[in-house]
C-alpha atoms as a PDB file:
ATOM      1  CA  UNK A   1      -0.057   4.050  14.670  1.00  0.00           C
ATOM      2  CA  UNK A   2      -0.262   6.929  12.293  1.00  0.00           C
ATOM      3  CA  UNK A   3      -2.956   6.605   9.703  1.00  0.00           C
ATOM      4  CA  UNK A   4      -4.747   8.745   7.296  1.00  0.00           C
ATOM      5  CA  UNK A   5      -8.587   8.084   7.161  1.00  0.00           C
ATOM      6  CA  UNK A   6     -10.357   7.464   4.015  1.00  0.00           C
ATOM      7  CA  UNK A   7     -13.917   8.847   3.178  1.00  0.00           C
ATOM      8  CA  UNK A   8     -16.390   5.717   3.285  1.00  0.00           C
ATOM      9  CA  UNK A   9     -18.086   6.652   0.231  1.00  0.00           C
ATOM     10  CA  UNK A  10     -14.954   5.952  -1.607  1.00  0.00           C
ATOM     11  CA  UNK A  11     -14.110   2.723  -0.371  1.00  0.00           C
ATOM     12  CA  UNK A  12     -14.416  -0.555  -1.946  1.00  0.00           C
ATOM     13  CA  UNK A  13     -15.207  -3.738  -0.390  1.00  0.00           C
ATOM     14  CA  UNK A  14     -12.222  -5.385   1.308  1.00  0.00           C
ATOM     15  CA  UNK A  15     -10.248  -2.313   1.533  1.00  0.00           C
ATOM     16  CA  UNK A  16      -9.016  -0.763   4.833  1.00  0.00           C
ATOM     17  CA  UNK A  17     -10.419   2.175   6.194  1.00  0.00           C
ATOM     18  CA  UNK A  18      -7.314   3.973   6.648  1.00  0.00           C
ATOM     19  CA  UNK A  19      -3.707   4.239   5.190  1.00  0.00           C
ATOM     20  CA  UNK A  20      -1.371   3.107   7.363  1.00  0.00           C
ATOM     21  CA  UNK A  21       1.792   5.678   7.398  1.00  0.00           C
ATOM     22  CA  UNK A  22       5.244   4.844   8.155  1.00  0.00           C
ATOM     23  CA  UNK A  23       8.620   5.101   6.953  1.00  0.00           C
ATOM     24  CA  UNK A  24       7.854   3.623   3.437  1.00  0.00           C
ATOM     25  CA  UNK A  25       4.929   6.193   2.636  1.00  0.00           C
ATOM     26  CA  UNK A  26       5.211   9.159   4.944  1.00  0.00           C
ATOM     27  CA  UNK A  27       6.746  11.142   2.166  1.00  0.00           C
ATOM     28  CA  UNK A  28       3.937  10.160  -0.009  1.00  0.00           C
ATOM     29  CA  UNK A  29       1.316  11.803   2.198  1.00  0.00           C
ATOM     30  CA  UNK A  30       3.250  14.894   2.707  1.00  0.00           C
ATOM     31  CA  UNK A  31       3.424  15.608  -0.769  1.00  0.00           C
ATOM     32  CA  UNK A  32      -0.050  14.990  -1.587  1.00  0.00           C
ATOM     33  CA  UNK A  33      -1.026  17.491   0.520  1.00  0.00           C
ATOM     34  CA  UNK A  34       1.023  19.955  -1.475  1.00  0.00           C
ATOM     35  CA  UNK A  35       0.168  19.566  -5.122  1.00  0.00           C
ATOM     36  CA  UNK A  36       0.691  23.529  -5.845  1.00  0.00           C
ATOM     37  CA  UNK A  37       4.586  22.705  -5.719  1.00  0.00           C
ATOM     38  CA  UNK A  38       4.340  19.688  -8.136  1.00  0.00           C
ATOM     39  CA  UNK A  39       5.989  20.287 -11.490  1.00  0.00           C
ATOM     40  CA  UNK A  40       3.503  21.189 -14.107  1.00  0.00           C
ATOM     41  CA  UNK A  41       0.951  20.191 -11.315  1.00  0.00           C
ATOM     42  CA  UNK A  42       1.581  16.467 -11.749  1.00  0.00           C
ATOM     43  CA  UNK A  43       2.846  13.580  -9.361  1.00  0.00           C
ATOM     44  CA  UNK A  44       3.532  10.080 -10.664  1.00  0.00           C
ATOM     45  CA  UNK A  45       3.210   7.554  -7.499  1.00  0.00           C
ATOM     46  CA  UNK A  46       5.059   4.177  -7.808  1.00  0.00           C
ATOM     47  CA  UNK A  47       4.898   1.409  -5.724  1.00  0.00           C
ATOM     48  CA  UNK A  48       4.675  -2.607  -5.580  1.00  0.00           C
ATOM     49  CA  UNK A  49       1.434  -4.637  -5.440  1.00  0.00           C
ATOM     50  CA  UNK A  50      -1.041  -3.726  -2.139  1.00  0.00           C
ATOM     51  CA  UNK A  51       1.274  -0.851  -1.258  1.00  0.00           C
ATOM     52  CA  UNK A  52      -1.851   1.733  -0.872  1.00  0.00           C
ATOM     53  CA  UNK A  53      -1.330   3.482  -4.266  1.00  0.00           C
ATOM     54  CA  UNK A  54      -4.956   3.198  -5.035  1.00  0.00           C
ATOM     55  CA  UNK A  55      -6.020   4.149  -1.551  1.00  0.00           C
ATOM     56  CA  UNK A  56      -3.602   7.462  -1.814  1.00  0.00           C
ATOM     57  CA  UNK A  57      -5.192   7.949  -5.346  1.00  0.00           C
ATOM     58  CA  UNK A  58      -8.954   7.687  -3.718  1.00  0.00           C
ATOM     59  CA  UNK A  59      -7.727   9.925  -0.772  1.00  0.00           C
ATOM     60  CA  UNK A  60      -6.329  12.729  -3.090  1.00  0.00           C
ATOM     61  CA  UNK A  61      -9.361  12.665  -5.377  1.00  0.00           C
ATOM     62  CA  UNK A  62     -11.459  12.758  -2.158  1.00  0.00           C
ATOM     63  CA  UNK A  63      -9.921  15.560  -1.013  1.00  0.00           C
ATOM     64  CA  UNK A  64     -10.845  18.135  -3.562  1.00  0.00           C
ATOM     65  CA  UNK A  65      -7.093  19.085  -4.229  1.00  0.00           C
ATOM     66  CA  UNK A  66      -7.217  17.484  -7.688  1.00  0.00           C
ATOM     67  CA  UNK A  67      -7.765  14.757 -10.164  1.00  0.00           C
ATOM     68  CA  UNK A  68      -6.273  11.289  -9.667  1.00  0.00           C
ATOM     69  CA  UNK A  69      -5.931   8.407 -12.290  1.00  0.00           C
ATOM     70  CA  UNK A  70      -5.238   4.919 -10.690  1.00  0.00           C
ATOM     71  CA  UNK A  71      -3.140   2.317 -12.891  1.00  0.00           C
ATOM     72  CA  UNK A  72      -2.456   4.995 -15.347  1.00  0.00           C
ATOM     73  CA  UNK A  73       0.125   2.906 -17.120  1.00  0.00           C
ATOM     74  CA  UNK A  74      -2.663   0.340 -17.888  1.00  0.00           C
ATOM     75  CA  UNK A  75      -4.267   3.182 -19.763  1.00  0.00           C
ATOM     76  CA  UNK A  76      -4.121   4.042 -23.434  1.00  0.00           C
ATOM     77  CA  UNK A  77      -1.246   6.650 -23.692  1.00  0.00           C
ATOM     78  CA  UNK A  78      -3.225   8.848 -26.089  1.00  0.00           C
ATOM     79  CA  UNK A  79      -6.362   8.979 -23.895  1.00  0.00           C
ATOM     80  CA  UNK A  80      -4.200   9.648 -20.843  1.00  0.00           C
ATOM     81  CA  UNK A  81      -2.191  12.406 -22.820  1.00  0.00           C
ATOM     82  CA  UNK A  82      -5.533  14.338 -23.592  1.00  0.00           C
ATOM     83  CA  UNK A  83      -6.419  13.804 -19.650  1.00  0.00           C
ATOM     84  CA  UNK A  84      -2.999  15.332 -19.060  1.00  0.00           C
ATOM     85  CA  UNK A  85      -3.716  18.438 -21.349  1.00  0.00           C
ATOM     86  CA  UNK A  86      -7.241  18.752 -19.909  1.00  0.00           C
ATOM     87  CA  UNK A  87      -5.744  19.244 -16.258  1.00  0.00           C
ATOM     88  CA  UNK A  88      -3.104  21.518 -17.706  1.00  0.00           C
ATOM     89  CA  UNK A  89      -5.819  23.709 -19.470  1.00  0.00           C
ATOM     90  CA  UNK A  90      -8.032  23.640 -16.133  1.00  0.00           C
ATOM     91  CA  UNK A  91      -5.277  24.121 -13.891  1.00  0.00           C
ATOM     92  CA  UNK A  92      -6.036  20.917 -11.759  1.00  0.00           C
ATOM     93  CA  UNK A  93      -3.405  18.853 -10.069  1.00  0.00           C
ATOM     94  CA  UNK A  94      -2.990  15.200 -11.369  1.00  0.00           C
ATOM     95  CA  UNK A  95      -2.011  12.080  -9.543  1.00  0.00           C
ATOM     96  CA  UNK A  96      -1.077   9.063 -11.514  1.00  0.00           C
ATOM     97  CA  UNK A  97      -0.292   6.029  -9.941  1.00  0.00           C
ATOM     98  CA  UNK A  98       1.566   3.117 -11.670  1.00  0.00           C
ATOM     99  CA  UNK A  99       3.396  -0.087 -10.835  1.00  0.00           C
ATOM    100  CA  UNK A 100       6.892  -0.226  -9.891  1.00  0.00           C
ATOM    101  CA  UNK A 101       9.557  -0.003 -11.353  1.00  0.00           C
ATOM    102  CA  UNK A 102       8.926   2.971 -13.340  1.00  0.00           C
ATOM    103  CA  UNK A 103       6.652   2.350 -16.332  1.00  0.00           C
ATOM    104  CA  UNK A 104       7.766   2.732 -19.835  1.00  0.00           C
ATOM    105  CA  UNK A 105       6.009   4.900 -22.150  1.00  0.00           C
ATOM    106  CA  UNK A 106       5.826   4.711 -25.779  1.00  0.00           C
ATOM    107  CA  UNK A 107       4.427   8.123 -26.793  1.00  0.00           C
ATOM    108  CA  UNK A 108       6.889  10.712 -27.196  1.00  0.00           C
ATOM    109  CA  UNK A 109       4.947  13.680 -26.059  1.00  0.00           C
ATOM    110  CA  UNK A 110       3.303  11.913 -23.194  1.00  0.00           C
ATOM    111  CA  UNK A 111       6.800  10.411 -22.069  1.00  0.00           C
ATOM    112  CA  UNK A 112       8.347  13.776 -21.911  1.00  0.00           C
ATOM    113  CA  UNK A 113       5.625  15.426 -19.732  1.00  0.00           C
ATOM    114  CA  UNK A 114       5.421  12.600 -17.268  1.00  0.00           C
ATOM    115  CA  UNK A 115       9.210  12.498 -17.117  1.00  0.00           C
ATOM    116  CA  UNK A 116       9.093  16.048 -15.847  1.00  0.00           C
ATOM    117  CA  UNK A 117       6.319  15.193 -12.919  1.00  0.00           C
ATOM    118  CA  UNK A 118       7.366  14.454  -9.424  1.00  0.00           C
ATOM    119  CA  UNK A 119       7.967  11.096  -9.110  1.00  0.00           C
ATOM    120  CA  UNK A 120       7.028   9.551  -5.449  1.00  0.00           C
ATOM    121  CA  UNK A 121       7.876   5.676  -4.753  1.00  0.00           C
ATOM    122  CA  UNK A 122       6.602   3.505  -1.873  1.00  0.00           C
ATOM    123  CA  UNK A 123       9.648   1.801  -0.367  1.00  0.00           C
ATOM    124  CA  UNK A 124      10.055  -0.862   2.103  1.00  0.00           C
ATOM    125  CA  UNK A 125       8.475  -0.993   5.297  1.00  0.00           C
ATOM    126  CA  UNK A 126      10.525  -1.280   8.484  1.00  0.00           C
ATOM    127  CA  UNK A 127       9.835  -3.052  11.707  1.00  0.00           C
ATOM    128  CA  UNK A 128       7.588  -0.506  13.063  1.00  0.00           C
ATOM    129  CA  UNK A 129       5.500  -0.229   9.859  1.00  0.00           C
ATOM    130  CA  UNK A 130       5.356  -4.011   9.576  1.00  0.00           C
ATOM    131  CA  UNK A 131       3.629  -4.003  13.138  1.00  0.00           C
ATOM    132  CA  UNK A 132       1.453  -1.198  12.202  1.00  0.00           C
ATOM    133  CA  UNK A 133       0.283  -3.013   8.849  1.00  0.00           C
ATOM    134  CA  UNK A 134      -0.105  -6.302  11.026  1.00  0.00           C
ATOM    135  CA  UNK A 135      -2.191  -4.684  13.302  1.00  0.00           C
ATOM    136  CA  UNK A 136      -4.199  -2.705  10.756  1.00  0.00           C
ATOM    137  CA  UNK A 137      -5.101  -5.951   8.943  1.00  0.00           C
ATOM    138  CA  UNK A 138      -5.829  -7.808  11.821  1.00  0.00           C
ATOM    139  CA  UNK A 139      -8.410  -5.190  12.914  1.00  0.00           C
ATOM    140  CA  UNK A 140      -9.770  -5.039   9.679  1.00  0.00           C
ATOM    141  CA  UNK A 141     -10.659  -8.818  10.087  1.00  0.00           C
ATOM    142  CA  UNK A 142     -11.713  -8.547  13.595  1.00  0.00           C
ATOM    143  CA  UNK A 143      -8.776 -11.068  14.386  1.00  0.00           C
ATOM    144  CA  UNK A 144      -7.403 -11.035  17.784  1.00  0.00           C
ATOM    145  CA  UNK A 145      -3.646 -11.930  17.252  1.00  0.00           C
ATOM    146  CA  UNK A 146      -3.239 -12.630  21.015  1.00  0.00           C
ATOM    147  CA  UNK A 147      -0.196 -11.506  23.429  1.00  0.00           C
ATOM    148  CA  UNK A 148       3.116 -11.291  21.935  1.00  0.00           C
ATOM    149  CA  UNK A 149       2.097 -11.965  18.183  1.00  0.00           C
ATOM    150  CA  UNK A 150       4.142  -8.686  17.087  1.00  0.00           C
ATOM    151  CA  UNK A 151       6.940  -9.574  18.867  1.00  0.00           C
ATOM    152  CA  UNK A 152       7.045 -12.972  17.261  1.00  0.00           C
ATOM    153  CA  UNK A 153       5.650 -11.945  13.750  1.00  0.00           C
ATOM    154  CA  UNK A 154       7.561  -9.089  12.851  1.00  0.00           C
ATOM    155  CA  UNK A 155      10.958 -10.186  12.777  1.00  0.00           C
ATOM    156  CA  UNK A 156       9.878 -13.304  10.650  1.00  0.00           C
ATOM    157  CA  UNK A 157       7.200 -11.319   8.493  1.00  0.00           C
ATOM    158  CA  UNK A 158       8.054 -10.592   4.612  1.00  0.00           C
ATOM    159  CA  UNK A 159       9.168  -7.181   4.114  1.00  0.00           C
ATOM    160  CA  UNK A 160       6.594  -6.430   1.626  1.00  0.00           C
ATOM    161  CA  UNK A 161       2.955  -5.273   1.776  1.00  0.00           C
ATOM    162  CA  UNK A 162       1.346  -8.242  -0.023  1.00  0.00           C
ATOM    163  CA  UNK A 163       3.075 -10.577   1.984  1.00  0.00           C
ATOM    164  CA  UNK A 164       2.190  -8.970   5.115  1.00  0.00           C
ATOM    165  CA  UNK A 165      -1.500  -9.186   4.188  1.00  0.00           C
ATOM    166  CA  UNK A 166      -1.293 -12.648   3.010  1.00  0.00           C
ATOM    167  CA  UNK A 167       0.050 -13.351   6.452  1.00  0.00           C
ATOM    168  CA  UNK A 168      -2.548 -12.043   8.433  1.00  0.00           C
ATOM    169  CA  UNK A 169      -5.199 -13.480   6.026  1.00  0.00           C
ATOM    170  CA  UNK A 170      -3.462 -16.895   6.755  1.00  0.00           C
ATOM    171  CA  UNK A 171      -3.617 -16.296  10.488  1.00  0.00           C
ATOM    172  CA  UNK A 172      -7.171 -15.610  10.375  1.00  0.00           C
ATOM    173  CA  UNK A 173      -8.015 -18.638   7.921  1.00  0.00           C
ATOM    174  CA  UNK A 174      -6.221 -21.010  10.358  1.00  0.00           C
ATOM    175  CA  UNK A 175      -7.742 -19.693  13.571  1.00  0.00           C
ATOM    176  CA  UNK A 176     -11.258 -20.265  11.893  1.00  0.00           C
ATOM    177  CA  UNK A 177     -10.628 -23.434  10.538  1.00  0.00           C
ATOM    178  CA  UNK A 178      -9.171 -24.919  13.864  1.00  0.00           C
ATOM    179  CA  UNK A 179     -12.234 -22.835  15.682  1.00  0.00           C
ATOM    180  CA  UNK A 180      -9.028 -21.657  18.027  1.00  0.00           C
ATOM    181  CA  UNK A 181      -7.480 -18.314  19.270  1.00  0.00           C
ATOM    182  CA  UNK A 182      -4.605 -17.115  17.240  1.00  0.00           C
ATOM    183  CA  UNK A 183      -1.566 -18.066  19.131  1.00  0.00           C
ATOM    184  CA  UNK A 184       1.996 -19.615  18.642  1.00  0.00           C
ATOM    185  CA  UNK A 185       1.066 -22.475  16.823  1.00  0.00           C
ATOM    186  CA  UNK A 186      -1.022 -20.702  14.275  1.00  0.00           C
ATOM    187  CA  UNK A 187       1.409 -18.072  14.073  1.00  0.00           C
ATOM    188  CA  UNK A 188       4.072 -20.475  13.089  1.00  0.00           C
ATOM    189  CA  UNK A 189       1.777 -22.508  10.669  1.00  0.00           C
ATOM    190  CA  UNK A 190       0.891 -19.130   8.859  1.00  0.00           C
ATOM    191  CA  UNK A 191       4.483 -18.018   8.500  1.00  0.00           C
ATOM    192  CA  UNK A 192       5.188 -21.498   7.006  1.00  0.00           C
ATOM    193  CA  UNK A 193       2.115 -21.426   4.831  1.00  0.00           C
ATOM    194  CA  UNK A 194       2.914 -18.008   3.150  1.00  0.00           C
ATOM    195  CA  UNK A 195       6.888 -18.283   3.043  1.00  0.00           C
ATOM    196  CA  UNK A 196       7.245 -22.137   2.409  1.00  0.00           C
ATOM    197  CA  UNK A 197       8.215 -25.132   4.637  1.00  0.00           C
ATOM    198  CA  UNK A 198      11.850 -23.706   5.116  1.00  0.00           C
ATOM    199  CA  UNK A 199      10.434 -20.912   7.356  1.00  0.00           C
ATOM    200  CA  UNK A 200       9.660 -23.780   9.903  1.00  0.00           C
ATOM    201  CA  UNK A 201      13.506 -24.940   9.853  1.00  0.00           C
ATOM    202  CA  UNK A 202      14.626 -21.531  10.311  1.00  0.00           C
ATOM    203  CA  UNK A 203      12.238 -20.493  12.951  1.00  0.00           C
ATOM    204  CA  UNK A 204      12.945 -20.627  16.631  1.00  0.00           C
ATOM    205  CA  UNK A 205      10.702 -20.120  19.970  1.00  0.00           C
ATOM    206  CA  UNK A 206      11.400 -16.961  21.690  1.00  0.00           C
ATOM    207  CA  UNK A 207      13.262 -17.375  25.241  1.00  0.00           C
ATOM    208  CA  UNK A 208      10.826 -18.072  28.081  1.00  0.00           C
END
């Protein structure tokens, strides 16, 4: 599993200690290590909920390479424009994160400057990354998934960061409630809990 470690001092409770890297975000990690090449020293990171935008922002700020503004699309546009100008005056690279799809900016001056920035977007994880994410969330919770868990779960799991996190949380909850290890029956019920009862109709047991 390929990961970027986060400095412990900038972690928030409940956040993973590492960013899992895979097909959906490796290009982001590469770009954040080369801010000198960003147009006007600015990059905008877009992505769905729980995709790791805030983790990347904190990693970039802690690296000392520049400033990061998380959830920039929720800030007052005039204030954000002033912060962009200040970063330009100080020659400091600026990373902005925002929700996908690309955010709509009303202030013309800010819109033109953000429009010229490097745009990075976190994509959809493939099977290999889904497996790594499941393992990472399970490790964070101290959850032993059991033999064959990834073979069973990966083809059936939602291809979304938030959905993968919910799935592991459901497995953990059911395992604790039943005081039982996480095995096939719990994996199946967790999938049904997060993806709906139709999942059970579509599900099938792997061949012996």
